[in-house]
Amino acid sequence: MPTVNKLVELSHEELQLMVQNRDSKDVITDPLERFIIYTTIIAQQESRTINIKFIQAQSHRSFYHCNQAVKKLIKDAWIVESINLQDKRNKNLLPTEKCIDLVKAYEGARANSLIKKN
């Protein structure tokens, strides 16, 4: 069964336990990495482009920390880099299908849990 289908069936409490398991590659626990993931998804939905400098400015973290987080997310296939066509020195950050699917599943499971709690 795909990971997305498993996440949809979990309650919010089960998702929290899964997040506490730091060995899982299907869950992002670092706040900066989560910020990057959500920011790339929102930017794509709004037809905007973002890069590491944008992440650095918005997160108020050092370029080094942002760059390390982006490298880890690329390695784990959460986001990809694409070269900006207007400025070839600039690399845009885009979410992968895995990223979009798992975030939607996580948010859907969280919403379902809140609805059940009323």
PDB file of N, CA and C in Angstrom:
ATOM      1  N   MET A   1       0.854  -1.186   0.000  1.00  0.00           N
ATOM      2  CA  MET A   1       0.000   0.000   0.000  1.00  0.00           C
ATOM      3  C   MET A   1       0.895   1.242   0.000  1.00  0.00           C
ATOM      4  N   PRO A   2       0.610   2.214  -0.873  1.00  0.00           N
ATOM      5  CA  PRO A   2       1.424   3.426  -0.896  1.00  0.00           C
ATOM      6  C   PRO A   2       1.358   4.181   0.432  1.00  0.00           C
ATOM      7  N   THR A   3       2.402   4.921   0.715  1.00  0.00           N
ATOM      8  CA  THR A   3       2.484   5.672   1.969  1.00  0.00           C
ATOM      9  C   THR A   3       1.350   6.671   2.096  1.00  0.00           C
ATOM     10  N   VAL A   4       0.942   7.280   0.987  1.00  0.00           N
ATOM     11  CA  VAL A   4      -0.138   8.271   1.026  1.00  0.00           C
ATOM     12  C   VAL A   4      -1.414   7.633   1.563  1.00  0.00           C
ATOM     13  N   ASN A   5      -1.745   6.442   1.083  1.00  0.00           N
ATOM     14  CA  ASN A   5      -2.962   5.768   1.555  1.00  0.00           C
ATOM     15  C   ASN A   5      -2.861   5.421   3.036  1.00  0.00           C
ATOM     16  N   LYS A   6      -1.679   5.063   3.489  1.00  0.00           N
ATOM     17  CA  LYS A   6      -1.496   4.759   4.913  1.00  0.00           C
ATOM     18  C   LYS A   6      -1.718   6.009   5.757  1.00  0.00           C
ATOM     19  N   LEU A   7      -1.202   7.151   5.318  1.00  0.00           N
ATOM     20  CA  LEU A   7      -1.328   8.385   6.093  1.00  0.00           C
ATOM     21  C   LEU A   7      -2.773   8.835   6.210  1.00  0.00           C
ATOM     22  N   VAL A   8      -3.556   8.665   5.160  1.00  0.00           N
ATOM     23  CA  VAL A   8      -4.946   9.104   5.184  1.00  0.00           C
ATOM     24  C   VAL A   8      -5.740   8.342   6.241  1.00  0.00           C
ATOM     25  N   GLU A   9      -5.385   7.083   6.452  1.00  0.00           N
ATOM     26  CA  GLU A   9      -6.119   6.256   7.404  1.00  0.00           C
ATOM     27  C   GLU A   9      -5.706   6.502   8.858  1.00  0.00           C
ATOM     28  N   LEU A  10      -4.616   7.211   9.088  1.00  0.00           N
ATOM     29  CA  LEU A  10      -4.138   7.440  10.448  1.00  0.00           C
ATOM     30  C   LEU A  10      -4.903   8.578  11.114  1.00  0.00           C
ATOM     31  N   SER A  11      -5.044   8.478  12.435  1.00  0.00           N
ATOM     32  CA  SER A  11      -5.619   9.580  13.193  1.00  0.00           C
ATOM     33  C   SER A  11      -4.514  10.601  13.461  1.00  0.00           C
ATOM     34  N   HIS A  12      -4.899  11.757  13.977  1.00  0.00           N
ATOM     35  CA  HIS A  12      -3.908  12.800  14.268  1.00  0.00           C
ATOM     36  C   HIS A  12      -2.901  12.311  15.311  1.00  0.00           C
ATOM     37  N   GLU A  13      -3.370  11.571  16.304  1.00  0.00           N
ATOM     38  CA  GLU A  13      -2.472  11.055  17.347  1.00  0.00           C
ATOM     39  C   GLU A  13      -1.473  10.072  16.749  1.00  0.00           C
ATOM     40  N   GLU A  14      -1.936   9.226  15.841  1.00  0.00           N
ATOM     41  CA  GLU A  14      -1.029   8.284  15.178  1.00  0.00           C
ATOM     42  C   GLU A  14      -0.008   9.022  14.316  1.00  0.00           C
ATOM     43  N   LEU A  15      -0.444  10.093  13.673  1.00  0.00           N
ATOM     44  CA  LEU A  15       0.488  10.901  12.887  1.00  0.00           C
ATOM     45  C   LEU A  15       1.541  11.538  13.781  1.00  0.00           C
ATOM     46  N   GLN A  16       1.137  11.999  14.950  1.00  0.00           N
ATOM     47  CA  GLN A  16       2.098  12.587  15.872  1.00  0.00           C
ATOM     48  C   GLN A  16       3.123  11.551  16.318  1.00  0.00           C
ATOM     49  N   LEU A  17       2.686  10.327  16.578  1.00  0.00           N
ATOM     50  CA  LEU A  17       3.621   9.267  16.951  1.00  0.00           C
ATOM     51  C   LEU A  17       4.574   8.968  15.795  1.00  0.00           C
ATOM     52  N   MET A  18       4.054   8.991  14.580  1.00  0.00           N
ATOM     53  CA  MET A  18       4.892   8.733  13.414  1.00  0.00           C
ATOM     54  C   MET A  18       5.943   9.823  13.251  1.00  0.00           C
ATOM     55  N   VAL A  19       5.559  11.061  13.542  1.00  0.00           N
ATOM     56  CA  VAL A  19       6.493  12.177  13.447  1.00  0.00           C
ATOM     57  C   VAL A  19       7.606  12.026  14.479  1.00  0.00           C
ATOM     58  N   GLN A  20       7.294  11.443  15.618  1.00  0.00           N
ATOM     59  CA  GLN A  20       8.306  11.267  16.654  1.00  0.00           C
ATOM     60  C   GLN A  20       9.332  10.216  16.273  1.00  0.00           C
ATOM     61  N   ASN A  21       9.014   9.354  15.311  1.00  0.00           N
ATOM     62  CA  ASN A  21       9.961   8.361  14.829  1.00  0.00           C
ATOM     63  C   ASN A  21      10.880   9.031  13.819  1.00  0.00           C
ATOM     64  N   ARG A  22      12.042   9.434  14.250  1.00  0.00           N
ATOM     65  CA  ARG A  22      12.939  10.207  13.400  1.00  0.00           C
ATOM     66  C   ARG A  22      13.610   9.371  12.318  1.00  0.00           C
ATOM     67  N   ASP A  23      13.406   8.054  12.308  1.00  0.00           N
ATOM     68  CA  ASP A  23      13.989   7.213  11.273  1.00  0.00           C
ATOM     69  C   ASP A  23      13.153   7.201   9.999  1.00  0.00           C
ATOM     70  N   SER A  24      11.923   7.658  10.087  1.00  0.00           N
ATOM     71  CA  SER A  24      11.021   7.615   8.943  1.00  0.00           C
ATOM     72  C   SER A  24      11.412   8.670   7.909  1.00  0.00           C
ATOM     73  N   LYS A  25      11.611   8.257   6.660  1.00  0.00           N
ATOM     74  CA  LYS A  25      11.941   9.193   5.581  1.00  0.00           C
ATOM     75  C   LYS A  25      10.672   9.812   4.989  1.00  0.00           C
ATOM     76  N   ASP A  26       9.494   9.322   5.408  1.00  0.00           N
ATOM     77  CA  ASP A  26       8.241   9.836   4.877  1.00  0.00           C
ATOM     78  C   ASP A  26       7.668  10.970   5.718  1.00  0.00           C
ATOM     79  N   VAL A  27       8.388  11.374   6.777  1.00  0.00           N
ATOM     80  CA  VAL A  27       7.917  12.450   7.641  1.00  0.00           C
ATOM     81  C   VAL A  27       9.067  13.413   7.881  1.00  0.00           C
ATOM     82  N   ILE A  28       8.793  14.689   7.765  1.00  0.00           N
ATOM     83  CA  ILE A  28       9.794  15.726   8.003  1.00  0.00           C
ATOM     84  C   ILE A  28       9.561  16.295   9.399  1.00  0.00           C
ATOM     85  N   THR A  29      10.579  16.232  10.255  1.00  0.00           N
ATOM     86  CA  THR A  29      10.430  16.708  11.629  1.00  0.00           C
ATOM     87  C   THR A  29      11.107  18.045  11.874  1.00  0.00           C
ATOM     88  N   ASP A  30      12.047  18.428  11.028  1.00  0.00           N
ATOM     89  CA  ASP A  30      12.761  19.685  11.219  1.00  0.00           C
ATOM     90  C   ASP A  30      11.874  20.860  10.800  1.00  0.00           C
ATOM     91  N   PRO A  31      11.709  21.864  11.670  1.00  0.00           N
ATOM     92  CA  PRO A  31      10.833  23.001  11.321  1.00  0.00           C
ATOM     93  C   PRO A  31      11.266  23.751  10.064  1.00  0.00           C
ATOM     94  N   LEU A  32      12.566  23.924   9.868  1.00  0.00           N
ATOM     95  CA  LEU A  32      13.037  24.622   8.669  1.00  0.00           C
ATOM     96  C   LEU A  32      12.708  23.815   7.416  1.00  0.00           C
ATOM     97  N   GLU A  33      12.885  22.510   7.473  1.00  0.00           N
ATOM     98  CA  GLU A  33      12.567  21.665   6.317  1.00  0.00           C
ATOM     99  C   GLU A  33      11.071  21.684   6.031  1.00  0.00           C
ATOM    100  N   ARG A  34      10.257  21.660   7.070  1.00  0.00           N
ATOM    101  CA  ARG A  34       8.803  21.768   6.863  1.00  0.00           C
ATOM    102  C   ARG A  34       8.444  23.109   6.244  1.00  0.00           C
ATOM    103  N   PHE A  35       9.074  24.163   6.721  1.00  0.00           N
ATOM    104  CA  PHE A  35       8.830  25.493   6.162  1.00  0.00           C
ATOM    105  C   PHE A  35       9.161  25.511   4.675  1.00  0.00           C
ATOM    106  N   ILE A  36      10.277  24.922   4.313  1.00  0.00           N
ATOM    107  CA  ILE A  36      10.687  24.887   2.910  1.00  0.00           C
ATOM    108  C   ILE A  36       9.676  24.118   2.071  1.00  0.00           C
ATOM    109  N   ILE A  37       9.237  22.980   2.574  1.00  0.00           N
ATOM    110  CA  ILE A  37       8.271  22.158   1.838  1.00  0.00           C
ATOM    111  C   ILE A  37       6.961  22.924   1.617  1.00  0.00           C
ATOM    112  N   TYR A  38       6.414  23.479   2.681  1.00  0.00           N
ATOM    113  CA  TYR A  38       5.146  24.196   2.556  1.00  0.00           C
ATOM    114  C   TYR A  38       5.303  25.439   1.676  1.00  0.00           C
ATOM    115  N   THR A  39       6.431  26.115   1.798  1.00  0.00           N
ATOM    116  CA  THR A  39       6.668  27.312   0.993  1.00  0.00           C
ATOM    117  C   THR A  39       6.755  26.972  -0.490  1.00  0.00           C
ATOM    118  N   THR A  40       7.425  25.874  -0.822  1.00  0.00           N
ATOM    119  CA  THR A  40       7.522  25.488  -2.238  1.00  0.00           C
ATOM    120  C   THR A  40       6.156  25.106  -2.792  1.00  0.00           C
ATOM    121  N   ILE A  41       5.345  24.425  -2.008  1.00  0.00           N
ATOM    122  CA  ILE A  41       4.012  24.039  -2.466  1.00  0.00           C
ATOM    123  C   ILE A  41       3.136  25.274  -2.681  1.00  0.00           C
ATOM    124  N   ILE A  42       3.156  26.187  -1.723  1.00  0.00           N
ATOM    125  CA  ILE A  42       2.351  27.408  -1.834  1.00  0.00           C
ATOM    126  C   ILE A  42       2.810  28.253  -3.018  1.00  0.00           C
ATOM    127  N   ALA A  43       4.115  28.374  -3.189  1.00  0.00           N
ATOM    128  CA  ALA A  43       4.643  29.163  -4.308  1.00  0.00           C
ATOM    129  C   ALA A  43       4.222  28.553  -5.645  1.00  0.00           C
ATOM    130  N   GLN A  44       4.258  27.238  -5.742  1.00  0.00           N
ATOM    131  CA  GLN A  44       3.846  26.592  -6.985  1.00  0.00           C
ATOM    132  C   GLN A  44       2.362  26.824  -7.252  1.00  0.00           C
ATOM    133  N   GLN A  45       1.533  26.754  -6.216  1.00  0.00           N
ATOM    134  CA  GLN A  45       0.102  26.982  -6.386  1.00  0.00           C
ATOM    135  C   GLN A  45      -0.191  28.417  -6.809  1.00  0.00           C
ATOM    136  N   GLU A  46       0.639  29.358  -6.356  1.00  0.00           N
ATOM    137  CA  GLU A  46       0.453  30.768  -6.696  1.00  0.00           C
ATOM    138  C   GLU A  46       1.249  31.178  -7.928  1.00  0.00           C
ATOM    139  N   SER A  47       1.837  30.214  -8.624  1.00  0.00           N
ATOM    140  CA  SER A  47       2.645  30.446  -9.831  1.00  0.00           C
ATOM    141  C   SER A  47       3.811  31.406  -9.578  1.00  0.00           C
ATOM    142  N   ARG A  48       4.409  31.277  -8.404  1.00  0.00           N
ATOM    143  CA  ARG A  48       5.594  32.065  -8.072  1.00  0.00           C
ATOM    144  C   ARG A  48       6.797  31.136  -8.040  1.00  0.00           C
ATOM    145  N   THR A  49       7.982  31.719  -8.091  1.00  0.00           N
ATOM    146  CA  THR A  49       9.200  30.930  -7.952  1.00  0.00           C
ATOM    147  C   THR A  49       9.932  31.379  -6.694  1.00  0.00           C
ATOM    148  N   ILE A  50      10.563  30.427  -6.034  1.00  0.00           N
ATOM    149  CA  ILE A  50      11.353  30.758  -4.853  1.00  0.00           C
ATOM    150  C   ILE A  50      12.721  30.108  -4.984  1.00  0.00           C
ATOM    151  N   ASN A  51      13.664  30.645  -4.230  1.00  0.00           N
ATOM    152  CA  ASN A  51      15.011  30.089  -4.208  1.00  0.00           C
ATOM    153  C   ASN A  51      15.521  30.082  -2.768  1.00  0.00           C
ATOM    154  N   ILE A  52      16.773  29.700  -2.597  1.00  0.00           N
ATOM    155  CA  ILE A  52      17.325  29.606  -1.242  1.00  0.00           C
ATOM    156  C   ILE A  52      17.381  30.980  -0.574  1.00  0.00           C
ATOM    157  N   LYS A  53      17.677  32.008  -1.326  1.00  0.00           N
ATOM    158  CA  LYS A  53      17.721  33.361  -0.751  1.00  0.00           C
ATOM    159  C   LYS A  53      16.357  33.765  -0.195  1.00  0.00           C
ATOM    160  N   PHE A  54      15.287  33.418  -0.898  1.00  0.00           N
ATOM    161  CA  PHE A  54      13.936  33.709  -0.418  1.00  0.00           C
ATOM    162  C   PHE A  54      13.672  32.957   0.885  1.00  0.00           C
ATOM    163  N   ILE A  55      14.051  31.677   0.917  1.00  0.00           N
ATOM    164  CA  ILE A  55      13.874  30.863   2.124  1.00  0.00           C
ATOM    165  C   ILE A  55      14.650  31.480   3.278  1.00  0.00           C
ATOM    166  N   GLN A  56      15.870  31.900   3.010  1.00  0.00           N
ATOM    167  CA  GLN A  56      16.708  32.508   4.041  1.00  0.00           C
ATOM    168  C   GLN A  56      16.050  33.776   4.592  1.00  0.00           C
ATOM    169  N   ALA A  57      15.559  34.619   3.719  1.00  0.00           N
ATOM    170  CA  ALA A  57      14.940  35.881   4.148  1.00  0.00           C
ATOM    171  C   ALA A  57      13.663  35.641   4.954  1.00  0.00           C
ATOM    172  N   GLN A  58      12.840  34.695   4.517  1.00  0.00           N
ATOM    173  CA  GLN A  58      11.568  34.451   5.189  1.00  0.00           C
ATOM    174  C   GLN A  58      11.713  33.678   6.497  1.00  0.00           C
ATOM    175  N   SER A  59      12.707  32.790   6.566  1.00  0.00           N
ATOM    176  CA  SER A  59      12.870  31.959   7.770  1.00  0.00           C
ATOM    177  C   SER A  59      13.777  32.608   8.804  1.00  0.00           C
ATOM    178  N   HIS A  60      14.496  33.667   8.418  1.00  0.00           N
ATOM    179  CA  HIS A  60      15.447  34.339   9.309  1.00  0.00           C
ATOM    180  C   HIS A  60      16.521  33.381   9.819  1.00  0.00           C
ATOM    181  N   ARG A  61      16.927  32.470   8.971  1.00  0.00           N
ATOM    182  CA  ARG A  61      18.008  31.538   9.280  1.00  0.00           C
ATOM    183  C   ARG A  61      19.184  31.838   8.367  1.00  0.00           C
ATOM    184  N   SER A  62      20.341  31.305   8.708  1.00  0.00           N
ATOM    185  CA  SER A  62      21.534  31.579   7.906  1.00  0.00           C
ATOM    186  C   SER A  62      21.444  30.873   6.552  1.00  0.00           C
ATOM    187  N   PHE A  63      22.188  31.405   5.591  1.00  0.00           N
ATOM    188  CA  PHE A  63      22.219  30.782   4.274  1.00  0.00           C
ATOM    189  C   PHE A  63      22.730  29.349   4.390  1.00  0.00           C
ATOM    190  N   TYR A  64      23.714  29.124   5.261  1.00  0.00           N
ATOM    191  CA  TYR A  64      24.283  27.785   5.446  1.00  0.00           C
ATOM    192  C   TYR A  64      23.200  26.790   5.883  1.00  0.00           C
ATOM    193  N   HIS A  65      22.411  27.150   6.900  1.00  0.00           N
ATOM    194  CA  HIS A  65      21.360  26.241   7.386  1.00  0.00           C
ATOM    195  C   HIS A  65      20.302  25.987   6.313  1.00  0.00           C
ATOM    196  N   CYS A  66      19.922  27.031   5.610  1.00  0.00           N
ATOM    197  CA  CYS A  66      18.929  26.876   4.547  1.00  0.00           C
ATOM    198  C   CYS A  66      19.465  25.982   3.436  1.00  0.00           C
ATOM    199  N   ASN A  67      20.710  26.192   3.054  1.00  0.00           N
ATOM    200  CA  ASN A  67      21.320  25.403   1.994  1.00  0.00           C
ATOM    201  C   ASN A  67      21.422  23.927   2.400  1.00  0.00           C
ATOM    202  N   GLN A  68      21.806  23.669   3.640  1.00  0.00           N
ATOM    203  CA  GLN A  68      21.899  22.287   4.120  1.00  0.00           C
ATOM    204  C   GLN A  68      20.521  21.616   4.122  1.00  0.00           C
ATOM    205  N   ALA A  69      19.490  22.348   4.563  1.00  0.00           N
ATOM    206  CA  ALA A  69      18.128  21.798   4.580  1.00  0.00           C
ATOM    207  C   ALA A  69      17.652  21.499   3.167  1.00  0.00           C
ATOM    208  N   VAL A  70      17.930  22.399   2.234  1.00  0.00           N
ATOM    209  CA  VAL A  70      17.520  22.195   0.837  1.00  0.00           C
ATOM    210  C   VAL A  70      18.240  20.978   0.254  1.00  0.00           C
ATOM    211  N   LYS A  71      19.525  20.859   0.510  1.00  0.00           N
ATOM    212  CA  LYS A  71      20.279  19.699   0.013  1.00  0.00           C
ATOM    213  C   LYS A  71      19.695  18.398   0.539  1.00  0.00           C
ATOM    214  N   LYS A  72      19.331  18.368   1.819  1.00  0.00           N
ATOM    215  CA  LYS A  72      18.748  17.155   2.407  1.00  0.00           C
ATOM    216  C   LYS A  72      17.395  16.844   1.764  1.00  0.00           C
ATOM    217  N   LEU A  73      16.579  17.857   1.556  1.00  0.00           N
ATOM    218  CA  LEU A  73      15.266  17.642   0.942  1.00  0.00           C
ATOM    219  C   LEU A  73      15.397  17.175  -0.506  1.00  0.00           C
ATOM    220  N   ILE A  74      16.386  17.672  -1.211  1.00  0.00           N
ATOM    221  CA  ILE A  74      16.624  17.219  -2.587  1.00  0.00           C
ATOM    222  C   ILE A  74      17.089  15.764  -2.574  1.00  0.00           C
ATOM    223  N   LYS A  75      17.992  15.442  -1.663  1.00  0.00           N
ATOM    224  CA  LYS A  75      18.506  14.069  -1.562  1.00  0.00           C
ATOM    225  C   LYS A  75      17.387  13.079  -1.246  1.00  0.00           C
ATOM    226  N   ASP A  76      16.447  13.486  -0.392  1.00  0.00           N
ATOM    227  CA  ASP A  76      15.333  12.617  -0.007  1.00  0.00           C
ATOM    228  C   ASP A  76      14.142  12.723  -0.956  1.00  0.00           C
ATOM    229  N   ALA A  77      14.307  13.425  -2.072  1.00  0.00           N
ATOM    230  CA  ALA A  77      13.299  13.553  -3.139  1.00  0.00           C
ATOM    231  C   ALA A  77      12.033  14.283  -2.699  1.00  0.00           C
ATOM    232  N   TRP A  78      12.168  15.280  -1.829  1.00  0.00           N
ATOM    233  CA  TRP A  78      11.029  16.098  -1.438  1.00  0.00           C
ATOM    234  C   TRP A  78      10.873  17.301  -2.359  1.00  0.00           C
ATOM    235  N   ILE A  79      11.995  17.862  -2.771  1.00  0.00           N
ATOM    236  CA  ILE A  79      11.971  18.998  -3.686  1.00  0.00           C
ATOM    237  C   ILE A  79      13.025  18.787  -4.777  1.00  0.00           C
ATOM    238  N   VAL A  80      12.923  19.581  -5.830  1.00  0.00           N
ATOM    239  CA  VAL A  80      13.912  19.553  -6.912  1.00  0.00           C
ATOM    240  C   VAL A  80      14.319  20.994  -7.220  1.00  0.00           C
ATOM    241  N   GLU A  81      15.485  21.119  -7.818  1.00  0.00           N
ATOM    242  CA  GLU A  81      15.955  22.427  -8.266  1.00  0.00           C
ATOM    243  C   GLU A  81      15.794  22.523  -9.775  1.00  0.00           C
ATOM    244  N   SER A  82      15.416  23.687 -10.243  1.00  0.00           N
ATOM    245  CA  SER A  82      15.391  23.940 -11.683  1.00  0.00           C
ATOM    246  C   SER A  82      16.051  25.286 -11.929  1.00  0.00           C
ATOM    247  N   ILE A  83      16.761  25.387 -13.012  1.00  0.00           N
ATOM    248  CA  ILE A  83      17.470  26.626 -13.337  1.00  0.00           C
ATOM    249  C   ILE A  83      16.462  27.668 -13.822  1.00  0.00           C
ATOM    250  N   ASN A  84      16.574  28.851 -13.259  1.00  0.00           N
ATOM    251  CA  ASN A  84      15.719  29.967 -13.643  1.00  0.00           C
ATOM    252  C   ASN A  84      16.075  30.391 -15.061  1.00  0.00           C
ATOM    253  N   LEU A  85      15.084  30.481 -15.931  1.00  0.00           N
ATOM    254  CA  LEU A  85      15.337  30.812 -17.331  1.00  0.00           C
ATOM    255  C   LEU A  85      15.768  32.264 -17.538  1.00  0.00           C
ATOM    256  N   GLN A  86      15.326  33.181 -16.667  1.00  0.00           N
ATOM    257  CA  GLN A  86      15.733  34.581 -16.793  1.00  0.00           C
ATOM    258  C   GLN A  86      17.150  34.809 -16.266  1.00  0.00           C
ATOM    259  N   ASP A  87      17.509  34.119 -15.197  1.00  0.00           N
ATOM    260  CA  ASP A  87      18.830  34.288 -14.584  1.00  0.00           C
ATOM    261  C   ASP A  87      19.424  32.901 -14.363  1.00  0.00           C
ATOM    262  N   LYS A  88      20.298  32.496 -15.222  1.00  0.00           N
ATOM    263  CA  LYS A  88      20.839  31.127 -15.197  1.00  0.00           C
ATOM    264  C   LYS A  88      21.622  30.813 -13.916  1.00  0.00           C
ATOM    265  N   ARG A  89      22.035  31.845 -13.173  1.00  0.00           N
ATOM    266  CA  ARG A  89      22.760  31.616 -11.915  1.00  0.00           C
ATOM    267  C   ARG A  89      21.812  31.232 -10.788  1.00  0.00           C
ATOM    268  N   ASN A  90      20.549  31.482 -10.956  1.00  0.00           N
ATOM    269  CA  ASN A  90      19.551  31.283  -9.916  1.00  0.00           C
ATOM    270  C   ASN A  90      18.848  29.937 -10.098  1.00  0.00           C
ATOM    271  N   LYS A  91      18.654  29.203  -9.002  1.00  0.00           N
ATOM    272  CA  LYS A  91      17.956  27.922  -9.053  1.00  0.00           C
ATOM    273  C   LYS A  91      16.644  28.021  -8.286  1.00  0.00           C
ATOM    274  N   ASN A  92      15.545  27.687  -8.957  1.00  0.00           N
ATOM    275  CA  ASN A  92      14.229  27.681  -8.325  1.00  0.00           C
ATOM    276  C   ASN A  92      14.016  26.361  -7.602  1.00  0.00           C
ATOM    277  N   LEU A  93      13.247  26.414  -6.526  1.00  0.00           N
ATOM    278  CA  LEU A  93      12.912  25.215  -5.766  1.00  0.00           C
ATOM    279  C   LEU A  93      11.471  24.832  -6.071  1.00  0.00           C
ATOM    280  N   LEU A  94      11.265  23.561  -6.412  1.00  0.00           N
ATOM    281  CA  LEU A  94       9.935  23.060  -6.756  1.00  0.00           C
ATOM    282  C   LEU A  94       9.640  21.795  -5.954  1.00  0.00           C
ATOM    283  N   PRO A  95       8.390  21.609  -5.517  1.00  0.00           N
ATOM    284  CA  PRO A  95       8.045  20.375  -4.803  1.00  0.00           C
ATOM    285  C   PRO A  95       7.905  19.202  -5.774  1.00  0.00           C
ATOM    286  N   THR A  96       8.189  18.011  -5.303  1.00  0.00           N
ATOM    287  CA  THR A  96       7.991  16.812  -6.113  1.00  0.00           C
ATOM    288  C   THR A  96       6.566  16.305  -5.903  1.00  0.00           C
ATOM    289  N   GLU A  97       6.164  15.351  -6.720  1.00  0.00           N
ATOM    290  CA  GLU A  97       4.832  14.743  -6.556  1.00  0.00           C
ATOM    291  C   GLU A  97       4.718  14.068  -5.194  1.00  0.00           C
ATOM    292  N   LYS A  98       5.803  13.423  -4.769  1.00  0.00           N
ATOM    293  CA  LYS A  98       5.832  12.781  -3.437  1.00  0.00           C
ATOM    294  C   LYS A  98       5.533  13.813  -2.361  1.00  0.00           C
ATOM    295  N   CYS A  99       6.155  14.959  -2.462  1.00  0.00           N
ATOM    296  CA  CYS A  99       5.972  16.033  -1.487  1.00  0.00           C
ATOM    297  C   CYS A  99       4.519  16.498  -1.452  1.00  0.00           C
ATOM    298  N   ILE A 100       3.976  16.785  -2.598  1.00  0.00           N
ATOM    299  CA  ILE A 100       2.598  17.282  -2.678  1.00  0.00           C
ATOM    300  C   ILE A 100       1.620  16.244  -2.155  1.00  0.00           C
ATOM    301  N   ASP A 101       1.784  14.990  -2.569  1.00  0.00           N
ATOM    302  CA  ASP A 101       0.865  13.930  -2.144  1.00  0.00           C
ATOM    303  C   ASP A 101       0.911  13.700  -0.643  1.00  0.00           C
ATOM    304  N   LEU A 102       2.116  13.645  -0.071  1.00  0.00           N
ATOM    305  CA  LEU A 102       2.221  13.367   1.361  1.00  0.00           C
ATOM    306  C   LEU A 102       1.744  14.537   2.212  1.00  0.00           C
ATOM    307  N   VAL A 103       1.991  15.758   1.772  1.00  0.00           N
ATOM    308  CA  VAL A 103       1.510  16.911   2.531  1.00  0.00           C
ATOM    309  C   VAL A 103      -0.018  16.971   2.484  1.00  0.00           C
ATOM    310  N   LYS A 104      -0.599  16.726   1.310  1.00  0.00           N
ATOM    311  CA  LYS A 104      -2.069  16.694   1.216  1.00  0.00           C
ATOM    312  C   LYS A 104      -2.648  15.602   2.093  1.00  0.00           C
ATOM    313  N   ALA A 105      -2.009  14.437   2.098  1.00  0.00           N
ATOM    314  CA  ALA A 105      -2.496  13.328   2.923  1.00  0.00           C
ATOM    315  C   ALA A 105      -2.391  13.681   4.402  1.00  0.00           C
ATOM    316  N   TYR A 106      -1.274  14.276   4.798  1.00  0.00           N
ATOM    317  CA  TYR A 106      -1.079  14.658   6.199  1.00  0.00           C
ATOM    318  C   TYR A 106      -2.103  15.693   6.629  1.00  0.00           C
ATOM    319  N   GLU A 107      -2.286  16.721   5.812  1.00  0.00           N
ATOM    320  CA  GLU A 107      -3.254  17.768   6.144  1.00  0.00           C
ATOM    321  C   GLU A 107      -4.680  17.212   6.152  1.00  0.00           C
ATOM    322  N   GLY A 108      -4.989  16.304   5.242  1.00  0.00           N
ATOM    323  CA  GLY A 108      -6.307  15.685   5.219  1.00  0.00           C
ATOM    324  C   GLY A 108      -6.556  14.851   6.466  1.00  0.00           C
ATOM    325  N   ALA A 109      -5.565  14.094   6.892  1.00  0.00           N
ATOM    326  CA  ALA A 109      -5.704  13.281   8.103  1.00  0.00           C
ATOM    327  C   ALA A 109      -5.855  14.174   9.326  1.00  0.00           C
ATOM    328  N   ARG A 110      -5.118  15.268   9.356  1.00  0.00           N
ATOM    329  CA  ARG A 110      -5.239  16.208  10.478  1.00  0.00           C
ATOM    330  C   ARG A 110      -6.626  16.824  10.516  1.00  0.00           C
ATOM    331  N   ALA A 111      -7.135  17.198   9.360  1.00  0.00           N
ATOM    332  CA  ALA A 111      -8.479  17.790   9.287  1.00  0.00           C
ATOM    333  C   ALA A 111      -9.539  16.784   9.704  1.00  0.00           C
ATOM    334  N   ASN A 112      -9.410  15.531   9.258  1.00  0.00           N
ATOM    335  CA  ASN A 112     -10.360  14.490   9.633  1.00  0.00           C
ATOM    336  C   ASN A 112     -10.356  14.279  11.135  1.00  0.00           C
ATOM    337  N   SER A 113      -9.192  14.315  11.746  1.00  0.00           N
ATOM    338  CA  SER A 113      -9.078  14.125  13.180  1.00  0.00           C
ATOM    339  C   SER A 113      -9.765  15.265  13.926  1.00  0.00           C
ATOM    340  N   LEU A 114      -9.600  16.496  13.421  1.00  0.00           N
ATOM    341  CA  LEU A 114     -10.249  17.632  14.058  1.00  0.00           C
ATOM    342  C   LEU A 114     -11.765  17.565  13.907  1.00  0.00           C
ATOM    343  N   ILE A 115     -12.240  17.105  12.764  1.00  0.00           N
ATOM    344  CA  ILE A 115     -13.681  16.957  12.548  1.00  0.00           C
ATOM    345  C   ILE A 115     -14.264  15.923  13.507  1.00  0.00           C
ATOM    346  N   LYS A 116     -13.534  14.803  13.685  1.00  0.00           N
ATOM    347  CA  LYS A 116     -14.001  13.772  14.616  1.00  0.00           C
ATOM    348  C   LYS A 116     -14.073  14.287  16.043  1.00  0.00           C
ATOM    349  N   LYS A 117     -13.122  15.170  16.409  1.00  0.00           N
ATOM    350  CA  LYS A 117     -13.120  15.723  17.774  1.00  0.00           C
ATOM    351  C   LYS A 117     -14.179  16.795  17.944  1.00  0.00           C
ATOM    352  N   ASN A 118     -14.689  17.304  16.809  1.00  0.00           N
ATOM    353  CA  ASN A 118     -15.715  18.339  16.772  1.00  0.00           C
ATOM    354  C   ASN A 118     -15.151  19.626  17.281  1.00  0.00           C
TER     355      ASN A 118
END
